[in-house]
Amino acid sequence: MFERFTVQDLLDTIDDRLSAIEGHLGIAPGAEPPDEAGSPQAEAARPQAEVARLRAEAARPQAEAARLRAEVARLRALLSEHDIDPGEPGDSPAVAG
């Protein structure tokens, strides 16, 4: 029927998906965005607006990855604050009453 997932399972799934996205985009966690413009001569030949657009576009996946990592950390802290162990199956003592 329905599989029962622990919070830790869900957090691990988010982390796995984030790693897959980073791998697909060819970026490493915490890596600097690649130089989309190529050589210095090619960069100088492009209009400044195009260079700025490409740099912003290259930084977006890393910003999203950082945002997701911060959200995972926030959720883990919230669980800890409520004495919920994400690795434990079943309801937490707070839910059980």
PDB file of N, CA and C in Angstrom:
ATOM      1  N   MET A   1       0.835  -1.170   0.000  1.00  0.00           N
ATOM      2  CA  MET A   1       0.000   0.000   0.000  1.00  0.00           C
ATOM      3  C   MET A   1       0.888   1.244   0.000  1.00  0.00           C
ATOM      4  N   PHE A   2       0.885   2.022   1.083  1.00  0.00           N
ATOM      5  CA  PHE A   2       1.721   3.210   1.172  1.00  0.00           C
ATOM      6  C   PHE A   2       2.969   2.892   1.966  1.00  0.00           C
ATOM      7  N   GLU A   3       4.097   3.376   1.473  1.00  0.00           N
ATOM      8  CA  GLU A   3       5.335   3.213   2.227  1.00  0.00           C
ATOM      9  C   GLU A   3       5.386   4.292   3.291  1.00  0.00           C
ATOM     10  N   ARG A   4       5.920   3.932   4.435  1.00  0.00           N
ATOM     11  CA  ARG A   4       6.050   4.902   5.518  1.00  0.00           C
ATOM     12  C   ARG A   4       7.491   5.402   5.539  1.00  0.00           C
ATOM     13  N   PHE A   5       7.638   6.696   5.392  1.00  0.00           N
ATOM     14  CA  PHE A   5       8.962   7.300   5.358  1.00  0.00           C
ATOM     15  C   PHE A   5       9.210   8.053   6.653  1.00  0.00           C
ATOM     16  N   THR A   6      10.435   7.975   7.138  1.00  0.00           N
ATOM     17  CA  THR A   6      10.810   8.802   8.278  1.00  0.00           C
ATOM     18  C   THR A   6      11.246  10.155   7.736  1.00  0.00           C
ATOM     19  N   VAL A   7      11.336  11.101   8.627  1.00  0.00           N
ATOM     20  CA  VAL A   7      11.789  12.434   8.230  1.00  0.00           C
ATOM     21  C   VAL A   7      13.202  12.348   7.661  1.00  0.00           C
ATOM     22  N   GLN A   8      14.027  11.507   8.274  1.00  0.00           N
ATOM     23  CA  GLN A   8      15.404  11.351   7.786  1.00  0.00           C
ATOM     24  C   GLN A   8      15.404  10.832   6.352  1.00  0.00           C
ATOM     25  N   ASP A   9      14.497   9.895   6.045  1.00  0.00           N
ATOM     26  CA  ASP A   9      14.400   9.378   4.674  1.00  0.00           C
ATOM     27  C   ASP A   9      14.081  10.506   3.699  1.00  0.00           C
ATOM     28  N   LEU A  10      13.155  11.371   4.090  1.00  0.00           N
ATOM     29  CA  LEU A  10      12.776  12.488   3.218  1.00  0.00           C
ATOM     30  C   LEU A  10      13.929  13.476   3.045  1.00  0.00           C
ATOM     31  N   LEU A  11      14.641  13.771   4.132  1.00  0.00           N
ATOM     32  CA  LEU A  11      15.793  14.676   4.039  1.00  0.00           C
ATOM     33  C   LEU A  11      16.886  14.060   3.163  1.00  0.00           C
ATOM     34  N   ASP A  12      17.099  12.764   3.312  1.00  0.00           N
ATOM     35  CA  ASP A  12      18.095  12.085   2.472  1.00  0.00           C
ATOM     36  C   ASP A  12      17.686  12.120   1.008  1.00  0.00           C
ATOM     37  N   THR A  13      16.396  11.977   0.738  1.00  0.00           N
ATOM     38  CA  THR A  13      15.900  12.035  -0.638  1.00  0.00           C
ATOM     39  C   THR A  13      16.143  13.414  -1.234  1.00  0.00           C
ATOM     40  N   ILE A  14      15.879  14.463  -0.447  1.00  0.00           N
ATOM     41  CA  ILE A  14      16.131  15.833  -0.917  1.00  0.00           C
ATOM     42  C   ILE A  14      17.608  16.006  -1.234  1.00  0.00           C
ATOM     43  N   ASP A  15      18.467  15.517  -0.340  1.00  0.00           N
ATOM     44  CA  ASP A  15      19.906  15.634  -0.545  1.00  0.00           C
ATOM     45  C   ASP A  15      20.346  14.869  -1.796  1.00  0.00           C
ATOM     46  N   ASP A  16      19.804  13.673  -1.989  1.00  0.00           N
ATOM     47  CA  ASP A  16      20.133  12.877  -3.176  1.00  0.00           C
ATOM     48  C   ASP A  16      19.702  13.593  -4.453  1.00  0.00           C
ATOM     49  N   ARG A  17      18.519  14.169  -4.423  1.00  0.00           N
ATOM     50  CA  ARG A  17      18.021  14.883  -5.608  1.00  0.00           C
ATOM     51  C   ARG A  17      18.869  16.112  -5.902  1.00  0.00           C
ATOM     52  N   LEU A  18      19.249  16.820  -4.846  1.00  0.00           N
ATOM     53  CA  LEU A  18      20.106  17.990  -5.020  1.00  0.00           C
ATOM     54  C   LEU A  18      21.448  17.586  -5.627  1.00  0.00           C
ATOM     55  N   SER A  19      22.016  16.489  -5.141  1.00  0.00           N
ATOM     56  CA  SER A  19      23.284  16.006  -5.696  1.00  0.00           C
ATOM     57  C   SER A  19      23.130  15.616  -7.160  1.00  0.00           C
ATOM     58  N   ALA A  20      21.999  15.003  -7.506  1.00  0.00           N
ATOM     59  CA  ALA A  20      21.760  14.621  -8.895  1.00  0.00           C
ATOM     60  C   ALA A  20      21.649  15.856  -9.791  1.00  0.00           C
ATOM     61  N   ILE A  21      20.981  16.891  -9.288  1.00  0.00           N
ATOM     62  CA  ILE A  21      20.855  18.140 -10.062  1.00  0.00           C
ATOM     63  C   ILE A  21      22.233  18.754 -10.274  1.00  0.00           C
ATOM     64  N   GLU A  22      23.030  18.805  -9.207  1.00  0.00           N
ATOM     65  CA  GLU A  22      24.372  19.364  -9.322  1.00  0.00           C
ATOM     66  C   GLU A  22      25.213  18.549 -10.304  1.00  0.00           C
ATOM     67  N   GLY A  23      25.100  17.226 -10.241  1.00  0.00           N
ATOM     68  CA  GLY A  23      25.839  16.376 -11.177  1.00  0.00           C
ATOM     69  C   GLY A  23      25.399  16.598 -12.612  1.00  0.00           C
ATOM     70  N   HIS A  24      24.092  16.724 -12.808  1.00  0.00           N
ATOM     71  CA  HIS A  24      23.559  16.942 -14.157  1.00  0.00           C
ATOM     72  C   HIS A  24      24.034  18.273 -14.733  1.00  0.00           C
ATOM     73  N   LEU A  25      24.115  19.282 -13.861  1.00  0.00           N
ATOM     74  CA  LEU A  25      24.541  20.604 -14.307  1.00  0.00           C
ATOM     75  C   LEU A  25      26.063  20.737 -14.358  1.00  0.00           C
ATOM     76  N   GLY A  26      26.751  19.722 -13.849  1.00  0.00           N
ATOM     77  CA  GLY A  26      28.207  19.749 -13.894  1.00  0.00           C
ATOM     78  C   GLY A  26      28.833  20.683 -12.880  1.00  0.00           C
ATOM     79  N   ILE A  27      28.151  20.868 -11.751  1.00  0.00           N
ATOM     80  CA  ILE A  27      28.714  21.725 -10.718  1.00  0.00           C
ATOM     81  C   ILE A  27      28.961  20.893  -9.470  1.00  0.00           C
ATOM     82  N   ALA A  28      29.976  21.270  -8.743  1.00  0.00           N
ATOM     83  CA  ALA A  28      30.279  20.613  -7.476  1.00  0.00           C
ATOM     84  C   ALA A  28      29.738  21.497  -6.361  1.00  0.00           C
ATOM     85  N   PRO A  29      29.338  20.908  -5.234  1.00  0.00           N
ATOM     86  CA  PRO A  29      28.845  21.734  -4.125  1.00  0.00           C
ATOM     87  C   PRO A  29      29.900  22.764  -3.722  1.00  0.00           C
ATOM     88  N   GLY A  30      29.491  24.022  -3.666  1.00  0.00           N
ATOM     89  CA  GLY A  30      30.396  25.092  -3.266  1.00  0.00           C
ATOM     90  C   GLY A  30      31.352  25.561  -4.353  1.00  0.00           C
ATOM     91  N   ALA A  31      31.235  25.017  -5.562  1.00  0.00           N
ATOM     92  CA  ALA A  31      32.151  25.402  -6.646  1.00  0.00           C
ATOM     93  C   ALA A  31      31.780  26.768  -7.203  1.00  0.00           C
ATOM     94  N   GLU A  32      32.760  27.444  -7.718  1.00  0.00           N
ATOM     95  CA  GLU A  32      32.517  28.722  -8.376  1.00  0.00           C
ATOM     96  C   GLU A  32      31.825  28.470  -9.716  1.00  0.00           C
ATOM     97  N   PRO A  33      30.965  29.394 -10.163  1.00  0.00           N
ATOM     98  CA  PRO A  33      30.318  29.208 -11.458  1.00  0.00           C
ATOM     99  C   PRO A  33      31.352  29.172 -12.580  1.00  0.00           C
ATOM    100  N   PRO A  34      31.129  28.345 -13.599  1.00  0.00           N
ATOM    101  CA  PRO A  34      32.078  28.310 -14.707  1.00  0.00           C
ATOM    102  C   PRO A  34      32.070  29.624 -15.483  1.00  0.00           C
ATOM    103  N   ASP A  35      33.188  29.927 -16.118  1.00  0.00           N
ATOM    104  CA  ASP A  35      33.277  31.137 -16.933  1.00  0.00           C
ATOM    105  C   ASP A  35      32.536  30.872 -18.230  1.00  0.00           C
ATOM    106  N   GLU A  36      31.290  31.314 -18.289  1.00  0.00           N
ATOM    107  CA  GLU A  36      30.432  31.061 -19.447  1.00  0.00           C
ATOM    108  C   GLU A  36      30.923  31.790 -20.705  1.00  0.00           C
ATOM    109  N   ALA A  37      31.683  32.833 -20.510  1.00  0.00           N
ATOM    110  CA  ALA A  37      32.066  33.639 -21.663  1.00  0.00           C
ATOM    111  C   ALA A  37      33.251  33.054 -22.434  1.00  0.00           C
ATOM    112  N   GLY A  38      33.967  32.117 -21.856  1.00  0.00           N
ATOM    113  CA  GLY A  38      35.110  31.527 -22.560  1.00  0.00           C
ATOM    114  C   GLY A  38      36.371  32.336 -22.350  1.00  0.00           C
ATOM    115  N   SER A  39      37.141  32.504 -23.401  1.00  0.00           N
ATOM    116  CA  SER A  39      38.422  33.211 -23.312  1.00  0.00           C
ATOM    117  C   SER A  39      38.214  34.707 -23.062  1.00  0.00           C
ATOM    118  N   PRO A  40      39.260  35.381 -22.576  1.00  0.00           N
ATOM    119  CA  PRO A  40      39.133  36.830 -22.351  1.00  0.00           C
ATOM    120  C   PRO A  40      38.780  37.588 -23.641  1.00  0.00           C
ATOM    121  N   GLN A  41      39.289  37.110 -24.775  1.00  0.00           N
ATOM    122  CA  GLN A  41      38.970  37.787 -26.040  1.00  0.00           C
ATOM    123  C   GLN A  41      37.477  37.627 -26.378  1.00  0.00           C
ATOM    124  N   ALA A  42      36.952  36.427 -26.142  1.00  0.00           N
ATOM    125  CA  ALA A  42      35.534  36.201 -26.431  1.00  0.00           C
ATOM    126  C   ALA A  42      34.662  37.023 -25.495  1.00  0.00           C
ATOM    127  N   GLU A  43      35.068  37.115 -24.229  1.00  0.00           N
ATOM    128  CA  GLU A  43      34.290  37.899 -23.274  1.00  0.00           C
ATOM    129  C   GLU A  43      34.286  39.375 -23.659  1.00  0.00           C
ATOM    130  N   ALA A  44      35.426  39.885 -24.074  1.00  0.00           N
ATOM    131  CA  ALA A  44      35.508  41.295 -24.455  1.00  0.00           C
ATOM    132  C   ALA A  44      34.660  41.586 -25.690  1.00  0.00           C
ATOM    133  N   ALA A  45      34.471  40.598 -26.547  1.00  0.00           N
ATOM    134  CA  ALA A  45      33.707  40.797 -27.772  1.00  0.00           C
ATOM    135  C   ALA A  45      32.198  40.816 -27.519  1.00  0.00           C
ATOM    136  N   ARG A  46      31.747  40.237 -26.434  1.00  0.00           N
ATOM    137  CA  ARG A  46      30.301  40.188 -26.165  1.00  0.00           C
ATOM    138  C   ARG A  46      29.840  41.486 -25.510  1.00  0.00           C
ATOM    139  N   PRO A  47      28.610  41.854 -25.776  1.00  0.00           N
ATOM    140  CA  PRO A  47      28.062  43.021 -25.067  1.00  0.00           C
ATOM    141  C   PRO A  47      28.011  42.736 -23.553  1.00  0.00           C
ATOM    142  N   GLN A  48      28.219  43.755 -22.768  1.00  0.00           N
ATOM    143  CA  GLN A  48      28.261  43.580 -21.317  1.00  0.00           C
ATOM    144  C   GLN A  48      26.966  42.985 -20.764  1.00  0.00           C
ATOM    145  N   ALA A  49      25.850  43.328 -21.328  1.00  0.00           N
ATOM    146  CA  ALA A  49      24.572  42.794 -20.839  1.00  0.00           C
ATOM    147  C   ALA A  49      24.513  41.279 -21.017  1.00  0.00           C
ATOM    148  N   GLU A  50      25.019  40.786 -22.130  1.00  0.00           N
ATOM    149  CA  GLU A  50      25.015  39.339 -22.390  1.00  0.00           C
ATOM    150  C   GLU A  50      25.930  38.614 -21.402  1.00  0.00           C
ATOM    151  N   VAL A  51      27.084  39.184 -21.125  1.00  0.00           N
ATOM    152  CA  VAL A  51      28.011  38.587 -20.172  1.00  0.00           C
ATOM    153  C   VAL A  51      27.362  38.534 -18.786  1.00  0.00           C
ATOM    154  N   ALA A  52      26.737  39.619 -18.379  1.00  0.00           N
ATOM    155  CA  ALA A  52      26.073  39.665 -17.071  1.00  0.00           C
ATOM    156  C   ALA A  52      24.939  38.636 -17.002  1.00  0.00           C
ATOM    157  N   ARG A  53      24.179  38.496 -18.080  1.00  0.00           N
ATOM    158  CA  ARG A  53      23.082  37.526 -18.118  1.00  0.00           C
ATOM    159  C   ARG A  53      23.610  36.105 -17.975  1.00  0.00           C
ATOM    160  N   LEU A  54      24.694  35.795 -18.693  1.00  0.00           N
ATOM    161  CA  LEU A  54      25.261  34.445 -18.623  1.00  0.00           C
ATOM    162  C   LEU A  54      25.814  34.137 -17.238  1.00  0.00           C
ATOM    163  N   ARG A  55      26.451  35.097 -16.614  1.00  0.00           N
ATOM    164  CA  ARG A  55      26.979  34.883 -15.268  1.00  0.00           C
ATOM    165  C   ARG A  55      25.847  34.658 -14.263  1.00  0.00           C
ATOM    166  N   ALA A  56      24.795  35.457 -14.377  1.00  0.00           N
ATOM    167  CA  ALA A  56      23.652  35.289 -13.478  1.00  0.00           C
ATOM    168  C   ALA A  56      23.001  33.927 -13.693  1.00  0.00           C
ATOM    169  N   GLU A  57      22.888  33.515 -14.938  1.00  0.00           N
ATOM    170  CA  GLU A  57      22.296  32.216 -15.260  1.00  0.00           C
ATOM    171  C   GLU A  57      23.143  31.072 -14.706  1.00  0.00           C
ATOM    172  N   ALA A  58      24.452  31.200 -14.775  1.00  0.00           N
ATOM    173  CA  ALA A  58      25.350  30.159 -14.267  1.00  0.00           C
ATOM    174  C   ALA A  58      25.304  30.081 -12.745  1.00  0.00           C
ATOM    175  N   ALA A  59      25.038  31.189 -12.074  1.00  0.00           N
ATOM    176  CA  ALA A  59      25.017  31.214 -10.612  1.00  0.00           C
ATOM    177  C   ALA A  59      23.692  30.712 -10.036  1.00  0.00           C
ATOM    178  N   ARG A  60      22.615  30.704 -10.835  1.00  0.00           N
ATOM    179  CA  ARG A  60      21.297  30.317 -10.331  1.00  0.00           C
ATOM    180  C   ARG A  60      21.252  28.921  -9.722  1.00  0.00           C
ATOM    181  N   PRO A  61      21.761  27.877 -10.381  1.00  0.00           N
ATOM    182  CA  PRO A  61      21.679  26.541  -9.774  1.00  0.00           C
ATOM    183  C   PRO A  61      22.438  26.457  -8.451  1.00  0.00           C
ATOM    184  N   GLN A  62      23.549  27.154  -8.343  1.00  0.00           N
ATOM    185  CA  GLN A  62      24.304  27.124  -7.090  1.00  0.00           C
ATOM    186  C   GLN A  62      23.553  27.862  -5.990  1.00  0.00           C
ATOM    187  N   ALA A  63      22.897  28.943  -6.340  1.00  0.00           N
ATOM    188  CA  ALA A  63      22.113  29.672  -5.349  1.00  0.00           C
ATOM    189  C   ALA A  63      20.947  28.801  -4.872  1.00  0.00           C
ATOM    190  N   GLU A  64      20.314  28.096  -5.779  1.00  0.00           N
ATOM    191  CA  GLU A  64      19.213  27.196  -5.415  1.00  0.00           C
ATOM    192  C   GLU A  64      19.729  26.059  -4.540  1.00  0.00           C
ATOM    193  N   ALA A  65      20.891  25.525  -4.867  1.00  0.00           N
ATOM    194  CA  ALA A  65      21.480  24.449  -4.065  1.00  0.00           C
ATOM    195  C   ALA A  65      21.773  24.959  -2.650  1.00  0.00           C
ATOM    196  N   ALA A  66      22.304  26.154  -2.531  1.00  0.00           N
ATOM    197  CA  ALA A  66      22.592  26.731  -1.221  1.00  0.00           C
ATOM    198  C   ALA A  66      21.302  26.966  -0.442  1.00  0.00           C
ATOM    199  N   ARG A  67      20.264  27.421  -1.141  1.00  0.00           N
ATOM    200  CA  ARG A  67      18.970  27.654  -0.495  1.00  0.00           C
ATOM    201  C   ARG A  67      18.399  26.345   0.028  1.00  0.00           C
ATOM    202  N   LEU A  68      18.486  25.280  -0.770  1.00  0.00           N
ATOM    203  CA  LEU A  68      17.964  23.985  -0.346  1.00  0.00           C
ATOM    204  C   LEU A  68      18.752  23.422   0.835  1.00  0.00           C
ATOM    205  N   ARG A  69      20.064  23.588   0.829  1.00  0.00           N
ATOM    206  CA  ARG A  69      20.880  23.126   1.961  1.00  0.00           C
ATOM    207  C   ARG A  69      20.491  23.882   3.236  1.00  0.00           C
ATOM    208  N   ALA A  70      20.270  25.185   3.119  1.00  0.00           N
ATOM    209  CA  ALA A  70      19.868  25.981   4.279  1.00  0.00           C
ATOM    210  C   ALA A  70      18.497  25.533   4.784  1.00  0.00           C
ATOM    211  N   GLU A  71      17.597  25.216   3.889  1.00  0.00           N
ATOM    212  CA  GLU A  71      16.267  24.744   4.271  1.00  0.00           C
ATOM    213  C   GLU A  71      16.356  23.397   4.985  1.00  0.00           C
ATOM    214  N   VAL A  72      17.193  22.498   4.495  1.00  0.00           N
ATOM    215  CA  VAL A  72      17.387  21.200   5.154  1.00  0.00           C
ATOM    216  C   VAL A  72      17.949  21.422   6.558  1.00  0.00           C
ATOM    217  N   ALA A  73      18.913  22.313   6.705  1.00  0.00           N
ATOM    218  CA  ALA A  73      19.488  22.606   8.014  1.00  0.00           C
ATOM    219  C   ALA A  73      18.433  23.201   8.946  1.00  0.00           C
ATOM    220  N   ARG A  74      17.587  24.083   8.428  1.00  0.00           N
ATOM    221  CA  ARG A  74      16.518  24.686   9.222  1.00  0.00           C
ATOM    222  C   ARG A  74      15.534  23.620   9.701  1.00  0.00           C
ATOM    223  N   LEU A  75      15.162  22.704   8.800  1.00  0.00           N
ATOM    224  CA  LEU A  75      14.221  21.645   9.161  1.00  0.00           C
ATOM    225  C   LEU A  75      14.821  20.697  10.188  1.00  0.00           C
ATOM    226  N   ARG A  76      16.104  20.369  10.027  1.00  0.00           N
ATOM    227  CA  ARG A  76      16.767  19.503  11.016  1.00  0.00           C
ATOM    228  C   ARG A  76      16.786  20.177  12.395  1.00  0.00           C
ATOM    229  N   ALA A  77      17.078  21.480  12.430  1.00  0.00           N
ATOM    230  CA  ALA A  77      17.099  22.207  13.694  1.00  0.00           C
ATOM    231  C   ALA A  77      15.705  22.235  14.325  1.00  0.00           C
ATOM    232  N   LEU A  78      14.684  22.412  13.514  1.00  0.00           N
ATOM    233  CA  LEU A  78      13.313  22.420  14.011  1.00  0.00           C
ATOM    234  C   LEU A  78      12.943  21.064  14.602  1.00  0.00           C
ATOM    235  N   LEU A  79      13.335  19.997  13.922  1.00  0.00           N
ATOM    236  CA  LEU A  79      13.078  18.651  14.448  1.00  0.00           C
ATOM    237  C   LEU A  79      13.793  18.457  15.785  1.00  0.00           C
ATOM    238  N   SER A  80      15.036  18.880  15.844  1.00  0.00           N
ATOM    239  CA  SER A  80      15.823  18.738  17.064  1.00  0.00           C
ATOM    240  C   SER A  80      15.199  19.537  18.204  1.00  0.00           C
ATOM    241  N   GLU A  81      14.705  20.735  17.887  1.00  0.00           N
ATOM    242  CA  GLU A  81      14.068  21.586  18.880  1.00  0.00           C
ATOM    243  C   GLU A  81      12.860  20.904  19.511  1.00  0.00           C
ATOM    244  N   HIS A  82      12.186  20.067  18.746  1.00  0.00           N
ATOM    245  CA  HIS A  82      10.998  19.353  19.218  1.00  0.00           C
ATOM    246  C   HIS A  82      11.321  17.916  19.635  1.00  0.00           C
ATOM    247  N   ASP A  83      12.606  17.641  19.850  1.00  0.00           N
ATOM    248  CA  ASP A  83      13.065  16.312  20.281  1.00  0.00           C
ATOM    249  C   ASP A  83      12.583  15.204  19.344  1.00  0.00           C
ATOM    250  N   ILE A  84      12.645  15.461  18.058  1.00  0.00           N
ATOM    251  CA  ILE A  84      12.268  14.465  17.055  1.00  0.00           C
ATOM    252  C   ILE A  84      13.541  13.984  16.390  1.00  0.00           C
ATOM    253  N   ASP A  85      13.768  12.686  16.468  1.00  0.00           N
ATOM    254  CA  ASP A  85      14.920  12.071  15.817  1.00  0.00           C
ATOM    255  C   ASP A  85      14.466  11.608  14.438  1.00  0.00           C
ATOM    256  N   PRO A  86      14.961  12.230  13.364  1.00  0.00           N
ATOM    257  CA  PRO A  86      14.489  11.874  12.025  1.00  0.00           C
ATOM    258  C   PRO A  86      14.803  10.429  11.643  1.00  0.00           C
ATOM    259  N   GLY A  87      15.694   9.777  12.360  1.00  0.00           N
ATOM    260  CA  GLY A  87      16.018   8.389  12.044  1.00  0.00           C
ATOM    261  C   GLY A  87      15.116   7.385  12.733  1.00  0.00           C
ATOM    262  N   GLU A  88      14.290   7.861  13.665  1.00  0.00           N
ATOM    263  CA  GLU A  88      13.421   6.970  14.421  1.00  0.00           C
ATOM    264  C   GLU A  88      12.092   6.779  13.694  1.00  0.00           C
ATOM    265  N   PRO A  89      11.645   5.538  13.553  1.00  0.00           N
ATOM    266  CA  PRO A  89      10.317   5.314  12.967  1.00  0.00           C
ATOM    267  C   PRO A  89       9.239   5.639  13.996  1.00  0.00           C
ATOM    268  N   GLY A  90       8.049   5.941  13.532  1.00  0.00           N
ATOM    269  CA  GLY A  90       6.923   6.164  14.433  1.00  0.00           C
ATOM    270  C   GLY A  90       6.782   7.604  14.835  1.00  0.00           C
ATOM    271  N   ASP A  91       5.800   7.814  15.698  1.00  0.00           N
ATOM    272  CA  ASP A  91       5.488   9.162  16.164  1.00  0.00           C
ATOM    273  C   ASP A  91       6.473   9.606  17.239  1.00  0.00           C
ATOM    274  N   SER A  92       6.666  10.921  17.304  1.00  0.00           N
ATOM    275  CA  SER A  92       7.552  11.470  18.318  1.00  0.00           C
ATOM    276  C   SER A  92       6.803  11.547  19.639  1.00  0.00           C
ATOM    277  N   PRO A  93       7.523  11.690  20.758  1.00  0.00           N
ATOM    278  CA  PRO A  93       6.849  11.846  22.066  1.00  0.00           C
ATOM    279  C   PRO A  93       5.929  13.060  22.080  1.00  0.00           C
ATOM    280  N   ALA A  94       6.279  14.127  21.373  1.00  0.00           N
ATOM    281  CA  ALA A  94       5.444  15.322  21.338  1.00  0.00           C
ATOM    282  C   ALA A  94       4.106  15.040  20.676  1.00  0.00           C
ATOM    283  N   VAL A  95       4.098  14.210  19.630  1.00  0.00           N
ATOM    284  CA  VAL A  95       2.874  13.888  18.910  1.00  0.00           C
ATOM    285  C   VAL A  95       2.031  12.912  19.736  1.00  0.00           C
ATOM    286  N   ALA A  96       2.695  11.978  20.403  1.00  0.00           N
ATOM    287  CA  ALA A  96       1.993  10.963  21.168  1.00  0.00           C
ATOM    288  C   ALA A  96       1.271  11.549  22.375  1.00  0.00           C
ATOM    289  N   GLY A  97       1.757  12.735  22.837  1.00  0.00           N
ATOM    290  CA  GLY A  97       1.060  13.407  23.932  1.00  0.00           C
ATOM    291  C   GLY A  97       1.657  13.066  25.208  1.00  0.00           C
TER     292      GLY A  97
END
